[in-house]
Structures are given as structure tokens and as C-alpha cells.
Amino acid sequence: MHIQRLFIHPVKSLHPAEVTSVRVTNAGIEHDRSFALIKYTENTPEDVSTHLTIKTTSQLCLFRQALDANLSTLIITFTRHGKSIETINIPLNPSAEDLGPTTFAIDIFGSRAIGFDMGPEIASFFSRHLEQPARLIYIGTNGCRAIPAPSLIPQRSSRFPWLFKDEAHEQQIRFADAAPLLITTTASEEDARARLPEGHHKEDIILRFRPNVHIDVSDQPGFQPYEEDTWKKVNISSKADAKEVDLDIVFRTVRCQSLNVDFETGGLVPNERQLYKLLAKDRRVNPAFPMKPCFGVYAFAAPSGTVLSVGDKIEVIALQS
């Protein structure tokens, strides 16, 4: 097995940026979901603002994201039917001069984060194309928030079980939903694609699932779709650093109606192509959310600072008990 594709989502819920390498940090993939869009009102900084997600604002998928070669600039292009309409450049690591004086608090799955306003010019770009007042906020270089619903995220096994109980995960997250990384596999992708009507079996549906790491399992004879549900510990051999990265798989990822968004039009795909409904037939496999279908798994990665690259070898070293 090896890494087939890597994705970064600098602005939460926008079309992802596909890259060839990513750096692991204590809050997930570097630059991943470090920005978010909010509905702009006259709230005071103490109020909790409503953040925009693709689930409720499907047009967000029409904003394509790319990173420049120096990893210093985020290039966002608004598109319609795949055609570029307008582009804006945003610093990936904003300085104090880039940030406005206002901060906004947002709540994601019961875990609060504070974001710095990115200013009126960027706000105007998004507001114009979304046809509603919006602001872009940045969580900050060292910003992070607590893992939501900690009772649902199992602790990792202690390295010294005869001395200590299981350990809490040290990492936190930025504007990601529930965990630092989201992992998917080609076998599950092929199963989901096969559920679509004939004529759509070549659609790049993995974009709708918004993973960070997409794993090619084609060299594993007999590998079954959704077999990643059974993983507990995964080892990745980083060719960039000649190091090993350990993934701790913690949760089957529950899905929402955002799976039905059409990434070309910004609307919804026809009823017969709606993956949420197609997967709900037999993929309601997370007891904590019994009515929602699952696809992919959440994970924590260590050590911080290690680079993952397309082609890195992967080995499953432990299964869920």
C-alpha cells in the first residue's frame, strides 16, 4: 500500500488543493483548515459567529484552492462550470499587518476557536461571489482548539501499560471537524463510485469526501472496501525524511449531506447520484451516530514535523480490538 493522493484544505469547506507532499504538525497537516468563512453580522467579538460550511452553502466548492511553490501564498479562484471567473491571493501565514483588529469566535461540534479577521478586501471577494456578507478568519500560527466530544475519541495506548493508564492525544486541531487527519482508501472509493448510475463511474468522487490522505490498496489481494474501519495503528515510511510516521486511527468518519454537492455547478447532483443516500443503505456503522453513513477514518499522526509524500509506503501494524 502507498499514498496515492494528498489534499490540503486551507480554507474550510472550499475545493481542496491537491499536493505531492505535506508536513505533519501537532494540529494536523500544515496549513490544513487554518482559515474559515463566517456569516458577517454586527456581532461583538464575544458573540459566537456562524461559520459557513459546504453542507449549507454548497457554492463554497466553486472556490478552487492552490498553493504557490514557496508555500507562502494561497491562490483562490472562483469558478463556474470549471471556468475561472476571479482570483485572489492570500498569505498562507498572515503577519500582524495582514490581520484586522477584530476577532470572531466560532463553534464547531461543541469546540470553540478564535479567528482573526483577514480584512475588507478579502471579505469583499467572498461576499460578492457568495451573494451574502462574509468574512474570512484565520486561526493564527499557534492557534488551535480542543478535540470536540473527547468521550468519542479513544485515548491512545500507553507506551508503558504496566505503569500508566492509556494516554490522551496531545494534538489539537484548527478548523477541522473532529480530528487532525482524515484517511480514505481506493477500495472504498471504488465501492462508492460503483453505486452511481452507469456513465458516472469515472467521476472523481473522492473530492466530495475531503480527505487528507488517500491510500492506494490495489497491491493488496483481497482487500475489501471499508477494511480501513478495522485499522488501529498504521505506519507510513516517509521517503522525504527517512523517518516513520505513526497513525492512530480513532473514529469512523460520519458523513453529512455535503456528499451531494456538485463540484462543477455549486448546486446538488441529481437524486440518483447523491452519495449520502447511496451510502446510507449499508454504511451506518458508527454506533455513536447510528443514522449517518460513514466513509473514511479519523486519525492522529506523529511525530510532528515529518513530511508525507505521494508514494510513501504504508503498513497496517495493529487492528481495532
Protein backbone atom coordinates (compact mmCIF):
# COMPACT_ATOMS: atom_id res chain seq x y z
CA MET A 1 0.00 0.00 0.00
CA HIS A 2 1.10 3.56 -0.58
CA ILE A 3 -0.15 7.14 -0.50
CA GLN A 4 -1.90 7.83 -3.80
CA ARG A 5 -3.15 11.41 -3.22
CA LEU A 6 -2.67 14.16 -0.65
CA PHE A 7 -5.02 17.09 -0.02
CA ILE A 8 -4.84 20.32 1.95
CA HIS A 9 -7.93 22.41 2.68
CA PRO A 10 -6.52 25.79 3.78
CA VAL A 11 -9.99 27.39 3.90
CA LYS A 12 -12.51 25.03 5.46
CA SER A 13 -15.18 23.72 3.04
CA LEU A 14 -13.63 25.12 -0.16
CA HIS A 15 -12.44 22.90 -3.03
CA PRO A 16 -9.24 21.20 -1.77
CA ALA A 17 -5.71 21.78 -3.02
CA GLU A 18 -4.07 18.56 -4.21
CA VAL A 19 -0.33 18.44 -3.42
CA THR A 20 2.56 15.98 -3.62
CA SER A 21 3.80 16.39 -0.04
CA VAL A 22 2.52 17.67 3.32
CA ARG A 23 4.07 18.30 6.71
CA VAL A 24 2.62 16.80 9.88
CA THR A 25 2.13 19.24 12.77
CA ASN A 26 0.66 18.94 16.26
CA ALA A 27 -2.63 20.26 14.87
CA GLY A 28 -2.83 18.09 11.75
CA ILE A 29 -1.48 18.78 8.26
CA GLU A 30 0.35 22.11 7.95
CA HIS A 31 -1.99 24.82 6.57
CA ASP A 32 -4.99 22.47 6.64
CA ARG A 33 -8.19 24.25 7.67
CA SER A 34 -6.39 27.21 9.20
CA PHE A 35 -8.97 29.59 7.65
CA ALA A 36 -12.75 29.60 7.80
CA LEU A 37 -15.54 31.75 6.42
CA ILE A 38 -18.25 33.22 8.64
CA LYS A 39 -21.55 34.94 8.08
CA TYR A 40 -20.86 38.58 8.77
CA THR A 41 -23.11 40.41 11.21
CA GLU A 42 -22.63 43.20 13.69
CA ASN A 43 -21.77 40.73 16.45
CA THR A 44 -19.42 41.84 19.16
CA PRO A 45 -16.21 39.80 19.45
CA GLU A 46 -17.74 37.96 22.40
CA ASP A 47 -20.58 36.54 20.31
CA VAL A 48 -20.27 33.21 18.55
CA SER A 49 -20.43 33.71 14.78
CA THR A 50 -21.92 31.22 12.33
CA HIS A 51 -19.30 29.62 10.13
CA LEU A 52 -20.10 28.75 6.53
CA THR A 53 -19.86 25.11 5.50
CA ILE A 54 -20.38 23.31 2.23
CA LYS A 55 -23.31 21.47 3.82
CA THR A 56 -25.40 24.65 3.97
CA THR A 57 -23.58 26.84 1.42
CA SER A 58 -22.87 24.50 -1.48
CA GLN A 59 -21.38 27.29 -3.64
CA LEU A 60 -18.22 27.10 -1.50
CA CYS A 61 -17.00 24.25 -3.71
CA LEU A 62 -16.72 26.72 -6.62
CA PHE A 63 -13.71 28.36 -4.94
CA ARG A 64 -10.62 26.41 -6.05
CA GLN A 65 -7.51 26.49 -3.84
CA ALA A 66 -3.86 26.20 -4.84
CA LEU A 67 -0.57 26.79 -3.03
CA ASP A 68 2.35 28.59 -4.65
CA ALA A 69 5.74 26.86 -4.97
CA ASN A 70 7.15 28.64 -1.91
CA LEU A 71 4.17 27.69 0.27
CA SER A 72 3.75 31.34 1.13
CA THR A 73 0.61 32.24 -0.83
CA LEU A 74 -2.85 30.70 -1.08
CA ILE A 75 -4.35 31.25 -4.52
CA ILE A 76 -8.15 31.12 -4.56
CA THR A 77 -10.07 31.18 -7.84
CA PHE A 78 -13.83 31.47 -8.10
CA THR A 79 -15.14 29.28 -10.94
CA ARG A 80 -18.35 28.46 -12.76
CA HIS A 81 -18.64 25.20 -14.69
CA GLY A 82 -14.86 24.82 -14.39
CA LYS A 83 -14.10 28.26 -15.89
CA SER A 84 -12.11 30.81 -13.88
CA ILE A 85 -14.01 34.00 -13.01
CA GLU A 86 -11.82 35.85 -10.49
CA THR A 87 -8.70 35.10 -8.43
CA ILE A 88 -7.37 36.48 -5.16
CA ASN A 89 -4.06 35.80 -3.38
CA ILE A 90 -3.97 35.35 0.39
CA PRO A 91 -0.88 34.91 2.59
CA LEU A 92 -0.73 31.37 3.97
CA ASN A 93 0.97 32.66 7.12
CA PRO A 94 -0.53 36.12 7.65
CA SER A 95 1.57 38.66 9.52
CA ALA A 96 0.17 41.06 12.11
CA GLU A 97 -0.16 43.66 9.32
CA ASP A 98 -2.37 41.28 7.31
CA LEU A 99 -4.84 40.78 10.15
CA GLY A 100 -7.61 43.16 11.11
CA PRO A 101 -8.18 44.27 14.69
CA THR A 102 -11.37 42.21 15.04
CA THR A 103 -11.60 38.60 16.16
CA PHE A 104 -14.54 36.24 15.83
CA ALA A 105 -15.39 33.15 17.85
CA ILE A 106 -16.89 30.14 16.11
CA ASP A 107 -18.14 26.84 17.45
CA ILE A 108 -17.50 23.59 15.57
CA PHE A 109 -19.06 20.45 17.06
CA GLY A 110 -19.06 21.94 20.53
CA SER A 111 -15.44 23.11 20.48
CA ARG A 112 -14.75 26.85 20.25
CA ALA A 113 -11.99 28.63 18.32
CA ILE A 114 -11.00 32.28 17.88
CA GLY A 115 -10.16 33.59 14.41
CA PHE A 116 -8.56 36.86 13.29
CA ASP A 117 -10.35 38.86 10.60
CA MET A 118 -8.47 38.92 7.27
CA GLY A 119 -9.76 42.34 6.27
CA PRO A 120 -12.31 44.02 3.99
CA GLU A 121 -10.72 43.31 0.58
CA ILE A 122 -10.78 39.55 1.09
CA ALA A 123 -14.24 39.79 2.66
CA SER A 124 -15.50 41.66 -0.43
CA PHE A 125 -14.21 38.91 -2.75
CA PHE A 126 -16.09 36.16 -0.93
CA SER A 127 -19.20 38.24 -0.21
CA ARG A 128 -19.55 39.19 -3.87
CA HIS A 129 -19.42 35.63 -5.16
CA LEU A 130 -21.42 34.08 -2.34
CA GLU A 131 -24.01 36.87 -2.62
CA GLN A 132 -24.08 37.29 1.14
CA PRO A 133 -21.91 39.17 3.65
CA ALA A 134 -18.96 37.00 4.67
CA ARG A 135 -15.59 37.39 6.38
CA LEU A 136 -12.52 35.20 6.22
CA ILE A 137 -10.91 34.42 9.57
CA TYR A 138 -7.51 32.91 10.41
CA ILE A 139 -6.87 30.81 13.48
CA GLY A 140 -3.28 32.06 13.89
CA THR A 141 0.14 30.44 13.63
CA ASN A 142 -0.14 28.81 17.03
CA GLY A 143 -3.91 28.76 17.17
CA CYS A 144 -5.81 25.57 17.79
CA ARG A 145 -8.87 24.27 19.58
CA ALA A 146 -9.68 21.27 21.71
CA ILE A 147 -10.75 17.99 20.15
CA PRO A 148 -14.58 18.02 20.27
CA ALA A 149 -16.51 15.29 22.07
CA PRO A 150 -13.42 13.75 23.71
CA SER A 151 -15.54 10.89 25.02
CA LEU A 152 -15.98 9.72 21.43
CA ILE A 153 -12.25 9.83 20.57
CA PRO A 154 -10.46 6.87 22.20
CA GLN A 155 -7.21 7.52 24.01
CA ARG A 156 -4.03 6.06 22.62
CA SER A 157 -2.45 3.02 24.27
CA SER A 158 0.24 3.86 26.81
CA ARG A 159 3.80 3.01 25.88
CA PHE A 160 4.19 1.65 29.43
CA PRO A 161 0.83 -0.03 30.16
CA TRP A 162 2.18 -1.72 33.30
CA LEU A 163 2.85 1.72 34.81
CA PHE A 164 0.34 4.13 33.29
CA LYS A 165 -3.22 4.14 32.01
CA ASP A 166 -3.98 4.99 28.38
CA GLU A 167 -2.79 8.44 27.34
CA ALA A 168 -4.79 11.33 25.93
CA HIS A 169 -3.79 12.50 22.47
CA GLU A 170 -1.53 15.53 22.72
CA GLN A 171 -2.66 17.10 19.47
CA GLN A 172 -5.35 19.68 18.98
CA ILE A 173 -7.00 20.89 15.77
CA ARG A 174 -7.69 24.10 13.91
CA PHE A 175 -10.97 24.42 11.99
CA ALA A 176 -11.20 20.70 11.13
CA ASP A 177 -14.36 18.99 12.32
CA ALA A 178 -13.16 16.41 14.83
CA ALA A 179 -9.59 15.13 14.33
CA PRO A 180 -6.31 16.20 12.70
CA LEU A 181 -6.38 13.85 9.69
CA LEU A 182 -8.97 12.12 7.55
CA ILE A 183 -7.90 8.89 5.78
CA THR A 184 -9.60 7.13 2.83
CA THR A 185 -8.73 4.18 0.56
CA THR A 186 -9.11 3.39 -3.13
CA ALA A 187 -11.13 0.24 -2.39
CA SER A 188 -13.81 2.24 -0.58
CA GLU A 189 -13.69 4.90 -3.29
CA GLU A 190 -14.35 2.26 -5.96
CA ASP A 191 -17.25 0.80 -3.98
CA ALA A 192 -18.86 4.23 -3.58
CA ARG A 193 -18.34 5.07 -7.26
CA ALA A 194 -19.91 1.76 -8.31
CA ARG A 195 -23.12 2.84 -6.59
CA LEU A 196 -23.53 5.70 -9.07
CA PRO A 197 -25.56 5.28 -12.27
CA GLU A 198 -23.79 3.93 -15.33
CA GLY A 199 -21.96 6.72 -17.09
CA HIS A 200 -20.66 8.27 -13.86
CA HIS A 201 -18.23 5.54 -12.77
CA LYS A 202 -15.21 7.68 -13.68
CA GLU A 203 -16.26 10.64 -11.57
CA ASP A 204 -13.59 11.89 -9.16
CA ILE A 205 -15.83 11.42 -6.15
CA ILE A 206 -13.01 11.42 -3.59
CA LEU A 207 -13.08 15.23 -3.67
CA ARG A 208 -16.55 15.10 -2.14
CA PHE A 209 -15.18 13.19 0.87
CA ARG A 210 -12.45 15.80 1.57
CA PRO A 211 -9.68 13.51 2.90
CA ASN A 212 -6.12 14.47 3.71
CA VAL A 213 -4.51 11.13 2.84
CA HIS A 214 -5.91 8.81 0.15
CA ILE A 215 -4.32 5.35 0.18
CA ASP A 216 -3.89 3.03 -2.81
CA VAL A 217 -4.57 -0.56 -1.69
CA SER A 218 -4.57 -2.15 -5.16
CA ASP A 219 -1.45 -4.20 -4.39
CA GLN A 220 -3.24 -5.95 -1.50
CA PRO A 221 -5.06 -9.02 -2.89
CA GLY A 222 -8.42 -9.49 -1.26
CA PHE A 223 -8.53 -6.04 0.37
CA GLN A 224 -12.18 -5.26 0.98
CA PRO A 225 -13.95 -1.89 0.74
CA TYR A 226 -14.06 -0.16 4.14
CA GLU A 227 -11.47 -2.51 5.59
CA GLU A 228 -9.82 0.63 6.98
CA ASP A 229 -12.64 0.64 9.54
CA THR A 230 -10.75 -2.16 11.29
CA TRP A 231 -7.37 -0.40 11.44
CA LYS A 232 -5.90 0.84 14.70
CA LYS A 233 -2.21 1.54 14.04
CA VAL A 234 -0.72 2.39 10.65
CA ASN A 235 2.92 3.06 9.82
CA ILE A 236 3.99 5.34 6.97
CA SER A 237 7.59 5.30 5.73
CA SER A 238 8.45 8.91 4.87
CA LYS A 239 10.85 8.92 1.91
CA ALA A 240 11.40 12.67 2.34
CA ASP A 241 12.70 12.39 5.89
CA ALA A 242 13.75 8.72 6.04
CA LYS A 243 11.52 8.51 9.13
CA GLU A 244 8.41 6.67 10.12
CA VAL A 245 5.06 8.31 10.82
CA ASP A 246 2.58 6.54 13.08
CA LEU A 247 -1.15 6.97 12.52
CA ASP A 248 -3.54 6.20 15.34
CA ILE A 249 -6.97 5.51 13.83
CA VAL A 250 -9.65 6.69 16.24
CA PHE A 251 -13.08 7.08 14.65
CA ARG A 252 -15.16 6.07 11.64
CA THR A 253 -15.96 9.34 9.89
CA VAL A 254 -19.67 10.10 9.83
CA ARG A 255 -20.96 11.94 6.79
CA CYS A 256 -23.49 14.66 6.06
CA GLN A 257 -25.49 15.95 3.09
CA SER A 258 -22.40 17.72 1.71
CA LEU A 259 -21.69 14.47 -0.17
CA ASN A 260 -24.46 15.51 -2.57
CA VAL A 261 -22.82 18.76 -3.72
CA ASP A 262 -21.99 19.13 -7.42
CA PHE A 263 -18.42 20.48 -7.60
CA GLU A 264 -18.98 21.85 -11.11
CA THR A 265 -22.21 23.81 -10.62
CA GLY A 266 -22.20 24.54 -6.90
CA GLY A 267 -25.68 23.04 -6.60
CA LEU A 268 -26.71 19.47 -5.83
CA VAL A 269 -26.24 16.41 -8.01
CA PRO A 270 -29.42 14.64 -9.23
CA ASN A 271 -31.13 12.36 -6.73
CA GLU A 272 -29.76 9.15 -8.28
CA ARG A 273 -26.16 10.39 -7.81
CA GLN A 274 -26.49 11.52 -4.21
CA LEU A 275 -23.81 9.61 -2.32
CA TYR A 276 -25.26 10.32 1.11
CA LYS A 277 -28.38 8.32 0.30
CA LEU A 278 -26.48 5.61 -1.58
CA LEU A 279 -24.08 5.02 1.31
CA ALA A 280 -26.79 5.20 3.97
CA LYS A 281 -28.18 1.89 2.72
CA ASP A 282 -25.44 -0.14 4.42
CA ARG A 283 -22.76 2.21 5.81
CA ARG A 284 -24.42 3.31 9.07
CA VAL A 285 -21.63 1.68 11.05
CA ASN A 286 -20.70 4.18 13.76
CA PRO A 287 -22.71 3.38 16.93
CA ALA A 288 -22.27 6.95 18.18
CA PHE A 289 -24.16 8.25 15.10
CA PRO A 290 -26.41 5.34 14.08
CA MET A 291 -28.40 7.26 11.46
CA LYS A 292 -25.45 8.65 9.48
CA PRO A 293 -23.37 6.81 6.85
CA CYS A 294 -19.62 6.51 7.31
CA PHE A 295 -16.76 6.83 4.85
CA GLY A 296 -13.09 7.08 5.85
CA VAL A 297 -11.50 7.23 9.28
CA TYR A 298 -10.14 9.98 11.51
CA ALA A 299 -6.54 9.71 12.69
CA PHE A 300 -3.79 11.33 14.72
CA ALA A 301 -0.24 11.42 13.33
CA ALA A 302 3.19 11.63 14.96
CA PRO A 303 5.93 12.77 15.09
CA SER A 304 5.33 16.43 14.32
CA GLY A 305 7.50 17.93 11.57
CA THR A 306 7.68 14.82 9.40
CA VAL A 307 6.86 15.13 5.69
CA LEU A 308 4.45 12.77 3.95
CA SER A 309 4.70 12.36 0.18
CA VAL A 310 2.75 10.68 -2.60
CA GLY A 311 4.24 7.20 -2.99
CA ASP A 312 5.16 6.72 0.68
CA LYS A 313 4.74 3.08 1.72
CA ILE A 314 2.09 2.16 4.26
CA GLU A 315 1.82 -0.81 6.60
CA VAL A 316 -1.02 -1.71 8.95
CA ILE A 317 0.54 -2.83 12.22
CA ALA A 318 -2.50 -3.22 14.51
CA LEU A 319 -6.24 -3.71 14.18
CA GLN A 320 -9.07 -2.49 16.38
CA SER A 321 -9.74 -4.83 19.28
